[in-house]
């Protein structure tokens, strides 16, 4: 689960995802977590906060 979480954040950063719609398009192709799972694991309510977090990781 941790690997998929990190992969999801990395893909947000690499592909420069800007909103939920773009994320949902790539989610199934790259086998990423859904938005609700990301919100739960990060403790963030807003997807834009998750994008900021993804851009901060290495």
Protein backbone atom coordinates (compact mmCIF):
# COMPACT_ATOMS: atom_id res chain seq x y z
CA UNK A 1 0.00 0.00 0.00
CA UNK A 2 2.87 2.36 0.85
CA UNK A 3 4.44 1.71 -2.57
CA UNK A 4 1.24 2.55 -4.42
CA UNK A 5 0.81 5.68 -2.28
CA UNK A 6 4.30 6.92 -3.15
CA UNK A 7 3.83 5.98 -6.80
CA UNK A 8 0.60 7.99 -6.89
CA UNK A 9 2.30 11.08 -5.47
CA UNK A 10 5.27 10.69 -7.80
CA UNK A 11 3.02 10.43 -10.86
CA UNK A 12 1.17 13.59 -9.81
CA UNK A 13 4.53 15.35 -9.70
CA UNK A 14 6.04 13.83 -12.87
CA UNK A 15 2.97 14.34 -15.06
CA UNK A 16 2.25 17.76 -13.54
CA UNK A 17 -1.36 16.90 -12.68
CA UNK A 18 -3.36 20.04 -11.96
CA UNK A 19 -6.83 18.76 -11.03
CA UNK A 20 -8.98 15.73 -10.19
CA UNK A 21 -10.11 15.27 -13.78
CA UNK A 22 -6.54 14.81 -15.06
CA UNK A 23 -5.73 12.44 -12.19
CA UNK A 24 -8.80 10.30 -12.85
CA UNK A 25 -7.77 9.92 -16.51
CA UNK A 26 -4.39 8.41 -15.62
CA UNK A 27 -5.45 6.55 -12.45
CA UNK A 28 -6.43 3.28 -14.09
CA UNK A 29 -3.65 3.31 -16.66
CA UNK A 30 -0.88 3.53 -14.05
CA UNK A 31 -2.70 1.52 -11.30
CA UNK A 32 -2.79 4.43 -8.84
CA UNK A 33 -4.89 5.01 -5.72
CA UNK A 34 -8.23 6.70 -6.11
CA UNK A 35 -8.68 10.25 -4.84
CA UNK A 36 -10.55 9.25 -1.69
CA UNK A 37 -7.75 6.87 -0.67
CA UNK A 38 -5.16 9.58 -1.24
CA UNK A 39 -7.18 12.02 0.87
CA UNK A 40 -7.41 9.47 3.68
CA UNK A 41 -3.71 8.54 3.65
CA UNK A 42 -2.49 12.14 3.48
CA UNK A 43 -5.05 13.55 5.90
CA UNK A 44 -5.86 16.31 3.41
CA UNK A 45 -9.40 17.19 2.37
CA UNK A 46 -8.55 19.19 -0.72
CA UNK A 47 -6.95 17.63 -3.81
CA UNK A 48 -4.93 20.80 -4.40
CA UNK A 49 -3.23 20.23 -1.03
CA UNK A 50 -2.32 16.71 -2.18
CA UNK A 51 -0.81 18.20 -5.35
CA UNK A 52 1.29 20.58 -3.22
CA UNK A 53 2.44 17.65 -1.09
CA UNK A 54 3.36 15.63 -4.18
CA UNK A 55 5.45 18.48 -5.55
CA UNK A 56 7.38 18.71 -2.28
CA UNK A 57 8.52 15.06 -2.22
CA UNK A 58 11.67 13.89 -3.97
